[in-house]
């Protein structure tokens, strides 16, 4: 990959794959993919933090109110309020990063 494919500091916040034809993951492939994503997150945790794969499944689509509350991008076409809906044709992964608790730091 070339430097132009990344942000100025070389980091990436999203990976998007658009398959030209529907694909199917075997259990082993799915497990490998989740281990890869979790490993990349953990390896890139800022000092004093933990970073891990925290969610996976169908891609959620949040109402505008929920998106604002969760700190997610607001889709102007989403309803103002209501329960999330899910895009079942999109496999979605999400990570979470937080400060390491003092007890965790002792074990690290």
PDB file of N, CA and C in Angstrom:
ATOM      1  N   UNK A   1       0.836  -1.174   0.000  1.00  0.00           N
ATOM      2  CA  UNK A   1       0.000   0.000   0.000  1.00  0.00           C
ATOM      3  C   UNK A   1       0.884   1.242   0.000  1.00  0.00           C
ATOM      4  N   UNK A   2       0.388   2.270  -0.620  1.00  0.00           N
ATOM      5  CA  UNK A   2       1.155   3.501  -0.686  1.00  0.00           C
ATOM      6  C   UNK A   2       0.722   4.458   0.412  1.00  0.00           C
ATOM      7  N   UNK A   3       1.585   5.430   0.714  1.00  0.00           N
ATOM      8  CA  UNK A   3       1.291   6.401   1.764  1.00  0.00           C
ATOM      9  C   UNK A   3       0.032   7.207   1.481  1.00  0.00           C
ATOM     10  N   UNK A   4      -0.283   7.467   0.207  1.00  0.00           N
ATOM     11  CA  UNK A   4      -1.469   8.260  -0.129  1.00  0.00           C
ATOM     12  C   UNK A   4      -2.748   7.564   0.295  1.00  0.00           C
ATOM     13  N   UNK A   5      -2.691   6.271   0.566  1.00  0.00           N
ATOM     14  CA  UNK A   5      -3.886   5.520   0.921  1.00  0.00           C
ATOM     15  C   UNK A   5      -4.245   5.656   2.398  1.00  0.00           C
ATOM     16  N   UNK A   6      -3.463   6.365   3.171  1.00  0.00           N
ATOM     17  CA  UNK A   6      -3.702   6.511   4.597  1.00  0.00           C
ATOM     18  C   UNK A   6      -3.843   7.983   4.956  1.00  0.00           C
ATOM     19  N   UNK A   7      -4.274   8.245   6.190  1.00  0.00           N
ATOM     20  CA  UNK A   7      -4.319   9.626   6.673  1.00  0.00           C
ATOM     21  C   UNK A   7      -2.890  10.142   6.818  1.00  0.00           C
ATOM     22  N   UNK A   8      -2.773  11.408   7.134  1.00  0.00           N
ATOM     23  CA  UNK A   8      -1.446  12.031   7.232  1.00  0.00           C
ATOM     24  C   UNK A   8      -0.502  11.294   8.165  1.00  0.00           C
ATOM     25  N   UNK A   9      -1.028  10.738   9.261  1.00  0.00           N
ATOM     26  CA  UNK A   9      -0.162  10.037  10.205  1.00  0.00           C
ATOM     27  C   UNK A   9      -0.063   8.539   9.927  1.00  0.00           C
ATOM     28  N   UNK A  10      -0.680   8.073   8.832  1.00  0.00           N
ATOM     29  CA  UNK A  10      -0.598   6.660   8.465  1.00  0.00           C
ATOM     30  C   UNK A  10      -1.651   5.783   9.119  1.00  0.00           C
ATOM     31  N   UNK A  11      -2.570   6.379   9.867  1.00  0.00           N
ATOM     32  CA  UNK A  11      -3.567   5.573  10.575  1.00  0.00           C
ATOM     33  C   UNK A  11      -4.809   5.324   9.729  1.00  0.00           C
ATOM     34  N   UNK A  12      -5.571   4.327  10.145  1.00  0.00           N
ATOM     35  CA  UNK A  12      -6.821   3.948   9.481  1.00  0.00           C
ATOM     36  C   UNK A  12      -7.893   3.820  10.555  1.00  0.00           C
ATOM     37  N   UNK A  13      -9.085   4.361  10.314  1.00  0.00           N
ATOM     38  CA  UNK A  13     -10.181   4.222  11.269  1.00  0.00           C
ATOM     39  C   UNK A  13     -11.277   3.294  10.774  1.00  0.00           C
ATOM     40  N   UNK A  14     -11.328   3.000   9.505  1.00  0.00           N
ATOM     41  CA  UNK A  14     -12.360   2.123   8.945  1.00  0.00           C
ATOM     42  C   UNK A  14     -11.755   1.281   7.834  1.00  0.00           C
ATOM     43  N   UNK A  15     -12.311   0.124   7.657  1.00  0.00           N
ATOM     44  CA  UNK A  15     -12.013  -0.705   6.494  1.00  0.00           C
ATOM     45  C   UNK A  15     -13.354  -1.014   5.850  1.00  0.00           C
ATOM     46  N   UNK A  16     -13.486  -0.754   4.569  1.00  0.00           N
ATOM     47  CA  UNK A  16     -14.717  -1.082   3.865  1.00  0.00           C
ATOM     48  C   UNK A  16     -14.383  -1.997   2.702  1.00  0.00           C
ATOM     49  N   UNK A  17     -15.165  -3.040   2.571  1.00  0.00           N
ATOM     50  CA  UNK A  17     -15.001  -3.987   1.464  1.00  0.00           C
ATOM     51  C   UNK A  17     -16.350  -4.099   0.764  1.00  0.00           C
ATOM     52  N   UNK A  18     -16.382  -3.848  -0.518  1.00  0.00           N
ATOM     53  CA  UNK A  18     -17.608  -4.012  -1.297  1.00  0.00           C
ATOM     54  C   UNK A  18     -17.398  -5.209  -2.216  1.00  0.00           C
ATOM     55  N   UNK A  19     -18.000  -6.329  -1.858  1.00  0.00           N
ATOM     56  CA  UNK A  19     -17.873  -7.528  -2.687  1.00  0.00           C
ATOM     57  C   UNK A  19     -18.754  -7.381  -3.923  1.00  0.00           C
ATOM     58  N   UNK A  20     -18.215  -7.709  -5.081  1.00  0.00           N
ATOM     59  CA  UNK A  20     -18.960  -7.605  -6.328  1.00  0.00           C
ATOM     60  C   UNK A  20     -20.056  -8.664  -6.411  1.00  0.00           C
ATOM     61  N   UNK A  21     -19.913  -9.695  -5.608  1.00  0.00           N
ATOM     62  CA  UNK A  21     -20.881 -10.798  -5.582  1.00  0.00           C
ATOM     63  C   UNK A  21     -20.991 -11.249  -4.124  1.00  0.00           C
ATOM     64  N   UNK A  22     -22.176 -11.636  -3.646  1.00  0.00           N
ATOM     65  CA  UNK A  22     -22.291 -12.079  -2.254  1.00  0.00           C
ATOM     66  C   UNK A  22     -21.285 -13.179  -1.919  1.00  0.00           C
ATOM     67  N   UNK A  23     -20.708 -13.104  -0.743  1.00  0.00           N
ATOM     68  CA  UNK A  23     -19.731 -14.099  -0.296  1.00  0.00           C
ATOM     69  C   UNK A  23     -20.225 -14.748   0.985  1.00  0.00           C
ATOM     70  N   UNK A  24     -19.668 -15.874   1.298  1.00  0.00           N
ATOM     71  CA  UNK A  24     -20.005 -16.615   2.506  1.00  0.00           C
ATOM     72  C   UNK A  24     -18.717 -16.910   3.254  1.00  0.00           C
ATOM     73  N   UNK A  25     -18.746 -16.763   4.570  1.00  0.00           N
ATOM     74  CA  UNK A  25     -17.594 -17.062   5.402  1.00  0.00           C
ATOM     75  C   UNK A  25     -17.821 -18.387   6.100  1.00  0.00           C
ATOM     76  N   UNK A  26     -16.822 -19.259   6.048  1.00  0.00           N
ATOM     77  CA  UNK A  26     -16.882 -20.473   6.857  1.00  0.00           C
ATOM     78  C   UNK A  26     -16.665 -20.051   8.311  1.00  0.00           C
ATOM     79  N   UNK A  27     -16.984 -20.925   9.252  1.00  0.00           N
ATOM     80  CA  UNK A  27     -16.743 -20.617  10.665  1.00  0.00           C
ATOM     81  C   UNK A  27     -15.265 -20.310  10.896  1.00  0.00           C
ATOM     82  N   UNK A  28     -14.398 -21.082  10.249  1.00  0.00           N
ATOM     83  CA  UNK A  28     -12.954 -20.874  10.412  1.00  0.00           C
ATOM     84  C   UNK A  28     -12.534 -19.508   9.854  1.00  0.00           C
ATOM     85  N   UNK A  29     -13.045 -19.124   8.691  1.00  0.00           N
ATOM     86  CA  UNK A  29     -12.708 -17.821   8.112  1.00  0.00           C
ATOM     87  C   UNK A  29     -13.214 -16.680   9.003  1.00  0.00           C
ATOM     88  N   UNK A  30     -14.437 -16.832   9.517  1.00  0.00           N
ATOM     89  CA  UNK A  30     -15.009 -15.812  10.392  1.00  0.00           C
ATOM     90  C   UNK A  30     -14.172 -15.684  11.665  1.00  0.00           C
ATOM     91  N   UNK A  31     -13.784 -16.804  12.231  1.00  0.00           N
ATOM     92  CA  UNK A  31     -12.952 -16.798  13.434  1.00  0.00           C
ATOM     93  C   UNK A  31     -11.601 -16.133  13.148  1.00  0.00           C
ATOM     94  N   UNK A  32     -10.999 -16.450  12.017  1.00  0.00           N
ATOM     95  CA  UNK A  32      -9.720 -15.843  11.627  1.00  0.00           C
ATOM     96  C   UNK A  32      -9.865 -14.335  11.474  1.00  0.00           C
ATOM     97  N   UNK A  33     -10.945 -13.904  10.847  1.00  0.00           N
ATOM     98  CA  UNK A  33     -11.185 -12.479  10.653  1.00  0.00           C
ATOM     99  C   UNK A  33     -11.359 -11.757  11.987  1.00  0.00           C
ATOM    100  N   UNK A  34     -12.131 -12.332  12.896  1.00  0.00           N
ATOM    101  CA  UNK A  34     -12.328 -11.685  14.199  1.00  0.00           C
ATOM    102  C   UNK A  34     -11.026 -11.650  14.998  1.00  0.00           C
ATOM    103  N   UNK A  35     -10.221 -12.713  14.923  1.00  0.00           N
ATOM    104  CA  UNK A  35      -8.932 -12.715  15.618  1.00  0.00           C
ATOM    105  C   UNK A  35      -8.004 -11.648  15.035  1.00  0.00           C
ATOM    106  N   UNK A  36      -8.024 -11.487  13.727  1.00  0.00           N
ATOM    107  CA  UNK A  36      -7.186 -10.480  13.072  1.00  0.00           C
ATOM    108  C   UNK A  36      -7.586  -9.074  13.535  1.00  0.00           C
ATOM    109  N   UNK A  37      -8.869  -8.775  13.497  1.00  0.00           N
ATOM    110  CA  UNK A  37      -9.337  -7.441  13.895  1.00  0.00           C
ATOM    111  C   UNK A  37      -9.030  -7.183  15.364  1.00  0.00           C
ATOM    112  N   UNK A  38      -9.302  -8.154  16.227  1.00  0.00           N
ATOM    113  CA  UNK A  38      -9.020  -7.993  17.652  1.00  0.00           C
ATOM    114  C   UNK A  38      -7.520  -7.804  17.890  1.00  0.00           C
ATOM    115  N   UNK A  39      -6.699  -8.564  17.176  1.00  0.00           N
ATOM    116  CA  UNK A  39      -5.249  -8.442  17.329  1.00  0.00           C
ATOM    117  C   UNK A  39      -4.728  -7.086  16.899  1.00  0.00           C
ATOM    118  N   UNK A  40      -5.251  -6.564  15.789  1.00  0.00           N
ATOM    119  CA  UNK A  40      -4.834  -5.236  15.326  1.00  0.00           C
ATOM    120  C   UNK A  40      -5.249  -4.182  16.348  1.00  0.00           C
ATOM    121  N   UNK A  41      -6.475  -4.289  16.876  1.00  0.00           N
ATOM    122  CA  UNK A  41      -6.939  -3.325  17.882  1.00  0.00           C
ATOM    123  C   UNK A  41      -6.049  -3.373  19.113  1.00  0.00           C
ATOM    124  N   UNK A  42      -5.793  -4.564  19.632  1.00  0.00           N
ATOM    125  CA  UNK A  42      -4.976  -4.695  20.845  1.00  0.00           C
ATOM    126  C   UNK A  42      -3.551  -4.193  20.621  1.00  0.00           C
ATOM    127  N   UNK A  43      -2.993  -4.479  19.452  1.00  0.00           N
ATOM    128  CA  UNK A  43      -1.619  -4.055  19.153  1.00  0.00           C
ATOM    129  C   UNK A  43      -1.510  -2.542  18.995  1.00  0.00           C
ATOM    130  N   UNK A  44      -2.622  -1.884  18.728  1.00  0.00           N
ATOM    131  CA  UNK A  44      -2.613  -0.436  18.511  1.00  0.00           C
ATOM    132  C   UNK A  44      -3.280   0.345  19.640  1.00  0.00           C
ATOM    133  N   UNK A  45      -3.364  -0.259  20.809  1.00  0.00           N
ATOM    134  CA  UNK A  45      -3.920   0.454  21.960  1.00  0.00           C
ATOM    135  C   UNK A  45      -2.951   1.553  22.380  1.00  0.00           C
ATOM    136  N   UNK A  46      -3.455   2.767  22.600  1.00  0.00           N
ATOM    137  CA  UNK A  46      -2.570   3.825  23.095  1.00  0.00           C
ATOM    138  C   UNK A  46      -2.004   3.446  24.465  1.00  0.00           C
ATOM    139  N   UNK A  47      -0.889   4.010  24.833  1.00  0.00           N
ATOM    140  CA  UNK A  47      -0.282   3.733  26.139  1.00  0.00           C
ATOM    141  C   UNK A  47      -1.301   3.987  27.243  1.00  0.00           C
ATOM    142  N   UNK A  48      -1.380   3.044  28.169  1.00  0.00           N
ATOM    143  CA  UNK A  48      -2.291   3.184  29.293  1.00  0.00           C
ATOM    144  C   UNK A  48      -3.744   2.883  28.975  1.00  0.00           C
ATOM    145  N   UNK A  49      -4.007   2.300  27.801  1.00  0.00           N
ATOM    146  CA  UNK A  49      -5.371   1.998  27.377  1.00  0.00           C
ATOM    147  C   UNK A  49      -5.495   0.526  26.974  1.00  0.00           C
ATOM    148  N   UNK A  50      -6.720   0.065  26.883  1.00  0.00           N
ATOM    149  CA  UNK A  50      -7.025  -1.241  26.291  1.00  0.00           C
ATOM    150  C   UNK A  50      -7.934  -0.994  25.096  1.00  0.00           C
ATOM    151  N   UNK A  51      -7.751  -1.764  24.046  1.00  0.00           N
ATOM    152  CA  UNK A  51      -8.483  -1.593  22.787  1.00  0.00           C
ATOM    153  C   UNK A  51      -8.793  -2.993  22.281  1.00  0.00           C
ATOM    154  N   UNK A  52     -10.059  -3.285  22.006  1.00  0.00           N
ATOM    155  CA  UNK A  52     -10.432  -4.642  21.623  1.00  0.00           C
ATOM    156  C   UNK A  52     -11.635  -4.644  20.698  1.00  0.00           C
ATOM    157  N   UNK A  53     -11.849  -5.768  20.030  1.00  0.00           N
ATOM    158  CA  UNK A  53     -13.041  -5.996  19.217  1.00  0.00           C
ATOM    159  C   UNK A  53     -14.220  -6.125  20.168  1.00  0.00           C
ATOM    160  N   UNK A  54     -15.174  -5.202  20.074  1.00  0.00           N
ATOM    161  CA  UNK A  54     -16.265  -5.176  21.048  1.00  0.00           C
ATOM    162  C   UNK A  54     -17.620  -5.545  20.468  1.00  0.00           C
ATOM    163  N   UNK A  55     -17.749  -5.534  19.159  1.00  0.00           N
ATOM    164  CA  UNK A  55     -19.039  -5.855  18.559  1.00  0.00           C
ATOM    165  C   UNK A  55     -18.877  -6.382  17.158  1.00  0.00           C
ATOM    166  N   UNK A  56     -19.773  -7.272  16.787  1.00  0.00           N
ATOM    167  CA  UNK A  56     -19.748  -7.838  15.443  1.00  0.00           C
ATOM    168  C   UNK A  56     -21.129  -8.370  15.105  1.00  0.00           C
ATOM    169  N   UNK A  57     -21.459  -8.331  13.839  1.00  0.00           N
ATOM    170  CA  UNK A  57     -22.755  -8.817  13.399  1.00  0.00           C
ATOM    171  C   UNK A  57     -23.288  -7.970  12.265  1.00  0.00           C
ATOM    172  N   UNK A  58     -24.605  -7.931  12.119  1.00  0.00           N
ATOM    173  CA  UNK A  58     -25.220  -7.100  11.091  1.00  0.00           C
ATOM    174  C   UNK A  58     -25.007  -5.627  11.432  1.00  0.00           C
ATOM    175  N   UNK A  59     -24.819  -4.804  10.406  1.00  0.00           N
ATOM    176  CA  UNK A  59     -24.519  -3.392  10.633  1.00  0.00           C
ATOM    177  C   UNK A  59     -25.750  -2.664  11.184  1.00  0.00           C
ATOM    178  N   UNK A  60     -25.591  -2.013  12.343  1.00  0.00           N
ATOM    179  CA  UNK A  60     -26.719  -1.269  12.899  1.00  0.00           C
ATOM    180  C   UNK A  60     -26.908   0.081  12.202  1.00  0.00           C
ATOM    181  N   UNK A  61     -28.145   0.494  12.115  1.00  0.00           N
ATOM    182  CA  UNK A  61     -28.474   1.836  11.609  1.00  0.00           C
ATOM    183  C   UNK A  61     -29.281   2.515  12.711  1.00  0.00           C
ATOM    184  N   UNK A  62     -28.689   3.552  13.309  1.00  0.00           N
ATOM    185  CA  UNK A  62     -29.272   4.206  14.462  1.00  0.00           C
ATOM    186  C   UNK A  62     -30.128   5.404  14.062  1.00  0.00           C
ATOM    187  N   UNK A  63     -31.116   5.714  14.893  1.00  0.00           N
ATOM    188  CA  UNK A  63     -31.874   6.955  14.709  1.00  0.00           C
ATOM    189  C   UNK A  63     -30.911   8.122  14.917  1.00  0.00           C
ATOM    190  N   UNK A  64     -31.318   9.296  14.487  1.00  0.00           N
ATOM    191  CA  UNK A  64     -30.457  10.465  14.660  1.00  0.00           C
ATOM    192  C   UNK A  64     -30.189  10.743  16.138  1.00  0.00           C
ATOM    193  N   UNK A  65     -31.222  10.603  16.978  1.00  0.00           N
ATOM    194  CA  UNK A  65     -31.046  10.846  18.416  1.00  0.00           C
ATOM    195  C   UNK A  65     -30.069   9.840  19.023  1.00  0.00           C
ATOM    196  N   UNK A  66     -30.218   8.556  18.681  1.00  0.00           N
ATOM    197  CA  UNK A  66     -29.313   7.537  19.212  1.00  0.00           C
ATOM    198  C   UNK A  66     -27.886   7.762  18.729  1.00  0.00           C
ATOM    199  N   UNK A  67     -27.731   8.119  17.456  1.00  0.00           N
ATOM    200  CA  UNK A  67     -26.393   8.362  16.910  1.00  0.00           C
ATOM    201  C   UNK A  67     -25.713   9.511  17.663  1.00  0.00           C
ATOM    202  N   UNK A  68     -26.451  10.579  17.922  1.00  0.00           N
ATOM    203  CA  UNK A  68     -25.872  11.695  18.675  1.00  0.00           C
ATOM    204  C   UNK A  68     -25.484  11.242  20.081  1.00  0.00           C
ATOM    205  N   UNK A  69     -26.360  10.495  20.732  1.00  0.00           N
ATOM    206  CA  UNK A  69     -26.102  10.018  22.090  1.00  0.00           C
ATOM    207  C   UNK A  69     -24.867   9.110  22.133  1.00  0.00           C
ATOM    208  N   UNK A  70     -24.714   8.253  21.127  1.00  0.00           N
ATOM    209  CA  UNK A  70     -23.610   7.298  21.081  1.00  0.00           C
ATOM    210  C   UNK A  70     -22.324   7.883  20.505  1.00  0.00           C
ATOM    211  N   UNK A  71     -22.382   9.119  20.024  1.00  0.00           N
ATOM    212  CA  UNK A  71     -21.194   9.738  19.432  1.00  0.00           C
ATOM    213  C   UNK A  71     -20.857   9.172  18.072  1.00  0.00           C
ATOM    214  N   UNK A  72     -21.866   8.690  17.371  1.00  0.00           N
ATOM    215  CA  UNK A  72     -21.672   8.112  16.038  1.00  0.00           C
ATOM    216  C   UNK A  72     -22.063   9.152  14.991  1.00  0.00           C
ATOM    217  N   UNK A  73     -21.611   8.977  13.744  1.00  0.00           N
ATOM    218  CA  UNK A  73     -22.039   9.895  12.686  1.00  0.00           C
ATOM    219  C   UNK A  73     -23.568   9.849  12.543  1.00  0.00           C
ATOM    220  N   UNK A  74     -24.166  11.010  12.347  1.00  0.00           N
ATOM    221  CA  UNK A  74     -25.617  11.102  12.208  1.00  0.00           C
ATOM    222  C   UNK A  74     -25.988  11.016  10.734  1.00  0.00           C
ATOM    223  N   UNK A  75     -26.836  10.059  10.402  1.00  0.00           N
ATOM    224  CA  UNK A  75     -27.341   9.905   9.038  1.00  0.00           C
ATOM    225  C   UNK A  75     -28.568  10.805   8.889  1.00  0.00           C
ATOM    226  N   UNK A  76     -28.501  11.830   8.040  1.00  0.00           N
ATOM    227  CA  UNK A  76     -29.639  12.748   7.912  1.00  0.00           C
ATOM    228  C   UNK A  76     -30.898  12.074   7.369  1.00  0.00           C
ATOM    229  N   UNK A  77     -30.761  10.902   6.753  1.00  0.00           N
ATOM    230  CA  UNK A  77     -31.934  10.197   6.232  1.00  0.00           C
ATOM    231  C   UNK A  77     -32.546   9.254   7.265  1.00  0.00           C
ATOM    232  N   UNK A  78     -31.885   9.076   8.407  1.00  0.00           N
ATOM    233  CA  UNK A  78     -32.401   8.196   9.464  1.00  0.00           C
ATOM    234  C   UNK A  78     -33.550   8.891  10.184  1.00  0.00           C
ATOM    235  N   UNK A  79     -34.461   8.108  10.754  1.00  0.00           N
ATOM    236  CA  UNK A  79     -35.535   8.732  11.529  1.00  0.00           C
ATOM    237  C   UNK A  79     -34.953   9.474  12.736  1.00  0.00           C
ATOM    238  N   UNK A  80     -35.665  10.486  13.224  1.00  0.00           N
ATOM    239  CA  UNK A  80     -35.175  11.272  14.359  1.00  0.00           C
ATOM    240  C   UNK A  80     -35.057  10.410  15.611  1.00  0.00           C
ATOM    241  N   UNK A  81     -36.022   9.538  15.863  1.00  0.00           N
ATOM    242  CA  UNK A  81     -36.001   8.652  17.030  1.00  0.00           C
ATOM    243  C   UNK A  81     -36.427   7.255  16.599  1.00  0.00           C
ATOM    244  N   UNK A  82     -36.296   6.303  17.496  1.00  0.00           N
ATOM    245  CA  UNK A  82     -36.744   4.944  17.214  1.00  0.00           C
ATOM    246  C   UNK A  82     -35.660   3.920  17.472  1.00  0.00           C
ATOM    247  N   UNK A  83     -36.067   2.677  17.405  1.00  0.00           N
ATOM    248  CA  UNK A  83     -35.152   1.568  17.622  1.00  0.00           C
ATOM    249  C   UNK A  83     -34.196   1.412  16.439  1.00  0.00           C
ATOM    250  N   UNK A  84     -33.001   0.875  16.679  1.00  0.00           N
ATOM    251  CA  UNK A  84     -32.077   0.633  15.560  1.00  0.00           C
ATOM    252  C   UNK A  84     -32.657  -0.406  14.600  1.00  0.00           C
ATOM    253  N   UNK A  85     -32.276  -0.276  13.359  1.00  0.00           N
ATOM    254  CA  UNK A  85     -32.545  -1.315  12.368  1.00  0.00           C
ATOM    255  C   UNK A  85     -31.187  -1.878  11.968  1.00  0.00           C
ATOM    256  N   UNK A  86     -31.191  -2.972  11.234  1.00  0.00           N
ATOM    257  CA  UNK A  86     -29.926  -3.630  10.898  1.00  0.00           C
ATOM    258  C   UNK A  86     -29.864  -3.955   9.419  1.00  0.00           C
ATOM    259  N   UNK A  87     -28.686  -3.726   8.845  1.00  0.00           N
ATOM    260  CA  UNK A  87     -28.414  -4.108   7.461  1.00  0.00           C
ATOM    261  C   UNK A  87     -27.824  -5.511   7.498  1.00  0.00           C
ATOM    262  N   UNK A  88     -28.655  -6.507   7.257  1.00  0.00           N
ATOM    263  CA  UNK A  88     -28.212  -7.897   7.393  1.00  0.00           C
ATOM    264  C   UNK A  88     -27.268  -8.340   6.281  1.00  0.00           C
ATOM    265  N   UNK A  89     -27.155  -7.555   5.225  1.00  0.00           N
ATOM    266  CA  UNK A  89     -26.219  -7.918   4.150  1.00  0.00           C
ATOM    267  C   UNK A  89     -24.830  -7.326   4.387  1.00  0.00           C
ATOM    268  N   UNK A  90     -24.645  -6.612   5.516  1.00  0.00           N
ATOM    269  CA  UNK A  90     -23.355  -5.993   5.833  1.00  0.00           C
ATOM    270  C   UNK A  90     -22.826  -6.602   7.133  1.00  0.00           C
ATOM    271  N   UNK A  91     -21.658  -7.218   7.061  1.00  0.00           N
ATOM    272  CA  UNK A  91     -20.990  -7.764   8.243  1.00  0.00           C
ATOM    273  C   UNK A  91     -20.216  -6.618   8.887  1.00  0.00           C
ATOM    274  N   UNK A  92     -20.530  -6.321  10.134  1.00  0.00           N
ATOM    275  CA  UNK A  92     -20.027  -5.126  10.807  1.00  0.00           C
ATOM    276  C   UNK A  92     -19.185  -5.518  12.015  1.00  0.00           C
ATOM    277  N   UNK A  93     -18.045  -4.857  12.175  1.00  0.00           N
ATOM    278  CA  UNK A  93     -17.173  -5.056  13.326  1.00  0.00           C
ATOM    279  C   UNK A  93     -16.927  -3.694  13.951  1.00  0.00           C
ATOM    280  N   UNK A  94     -16.831  -3.660  15.273  1.00  0.00           N
ATOM    281  CA  UNK A  94     -16.571  -2.409  15.967  1.00  0.00           C
ATOM    282  C   UNK A  94     -15.614  -2.679  17.116  1.00  0.00           C
ATOM    283  N   UNK A  95     -14.723  -1.731  17.363  1.00  0.00           N
ATOM    284  CA  UNK A  95     -13.798  -1.858  18.482  1.00  0.00           C
ATOM    285  C   UNK A  95     -14.124  -0.803  19.528  1.00  0.00           C
ATOM    286  N   UNK A  96     -13.587  -1.004  20.716  1.00  0.00           N
ATOM    287  CA  UNK A  96     -13.758  -0.039  21.798  1.00  0.00           C
ATOM    288  C   UNK A  96     -12.401   0.162  22.455  1.00  0.00           C
ATOM    289  N   UNK A  97     -12.134   1.381  22.872  1.00  0.00           N
ATOM    290  CA  UNK A  97     -10.871   1.718  23.516  1.00  0.00           C
ATOM    291  C   UNK A  97     -11.174   2.542  24.763  1.00  0.00           C
ATOM    292  N   UNK A  98     -10.538   2.198  25.860  1.00  0.00           N
ATOM    293  CA  UNK A  98     -10.715   2.941  27.107  1.00  0.00           C
ATOM    294  C   UNK A  98      -9.426   2.899  27.901  1.00  0.00           C
ATOM    295  N   UNK A  99      -9.379   3.765  28.920  1.00  0.00           N
ATOM    296  CA  UNK A  99      -8.221   3.768  29.809  1.00  0.00           C
ATOM    297  C   UNK A  99      -8.123   2.446  30.548  1.00  0.00           C
ATOM    298  N   UNK A 100      -6.899   2.017  30.758  1.00  0.00           N
ATOM    299  CA  UNK A 100      -6.659   0.794  31.523  1.00  0.00           C
ATOM    300  C   UNK A 100      -6.895   1.103  33.000  1.00  0.00           C
ATOM    301  N   UNK A 101      -7.701   0.290  33.668  1.00  0.00           N
ATOM    302  CA  UNK A 101      -7.930   0.457  35.097  1.00  0.00           C
ATOM    303  C   UNK A 101      -6.658   0.095  35.870  1.00  0.00           C
ATOM    304  N   UNK A 102      -6.443   0.691  37.040  1.00  0.00           N
ATOM    305  CA  UNK A 102      -5.223   0.423  37.800  1.00  0.00           C
ATOM    306  C   UNK A 102      -4.996  -1.076  38.054  1.00  0.00           C
ATOM    307  N   UNK A 103      -6.054  -1.836  38.338  1.00  0.00           N
ATOM    308  CA  UNK A 103      -5.902  -3.281  38.566  1.00  0.00           C
ATOM    309  C   UNK A 103      -5.417  -3.994  37.298  1.00  0.00           C
ATOM    310  N   UNK A 104      -5.894  -3.546  36.136  1.00  0.00           N
ATOM    311  CA  UNK A 104      -5.452  -4.137  34.872  1.00  0.00           C
ATOM    312  C   UNK A 104      -3.980  -3.822  34.617  1.00  0.00           C
ATOM    313  N   UNK A 105      -3.571  -2.631  34.968  1.00  0.00           N
ATOM    314  CA  UNK A 105      -2.176  -2.221  34.763  1.00  0.00           C
ATOM    315  C   UNK A 105      -1.235  -3.115  35.560  1.00  0.00           C
ATOM    316  N   UNK A 106      -1.655  -3.546  36.753  1.00  0.00           N
ATOM    317  CA  UNK A 106      -0.822  -4.438  37.576  1.00  0.00           C
ATOM    318  C   UNK A 106      -0.623  -5.790  36.907  1.00  0.00           C
ATOM    319  N   UNK A 107      -1.654  -6.250  36.163  1.00  0.00           N
ATOM    320  CA  UNK A 107      -1.583  -7.570  35.511  1.00  0.00           C
ATOM    321  C   UNK A 107      -0.883  -7.519  34.180  1.00  0.00           C
ATOM    322  N   UNK A 108      -0.778  -6.341  33.564  1.00  0.00           N
ATOM    323  CA  UNK A 108      -0.215  -6.205  32.219  1.00  0.00           C
ATOM    324  C   UNK A 108       1.279  -6.405  32.188  1.00  0.00           C
TER     325      UNK A 108
END
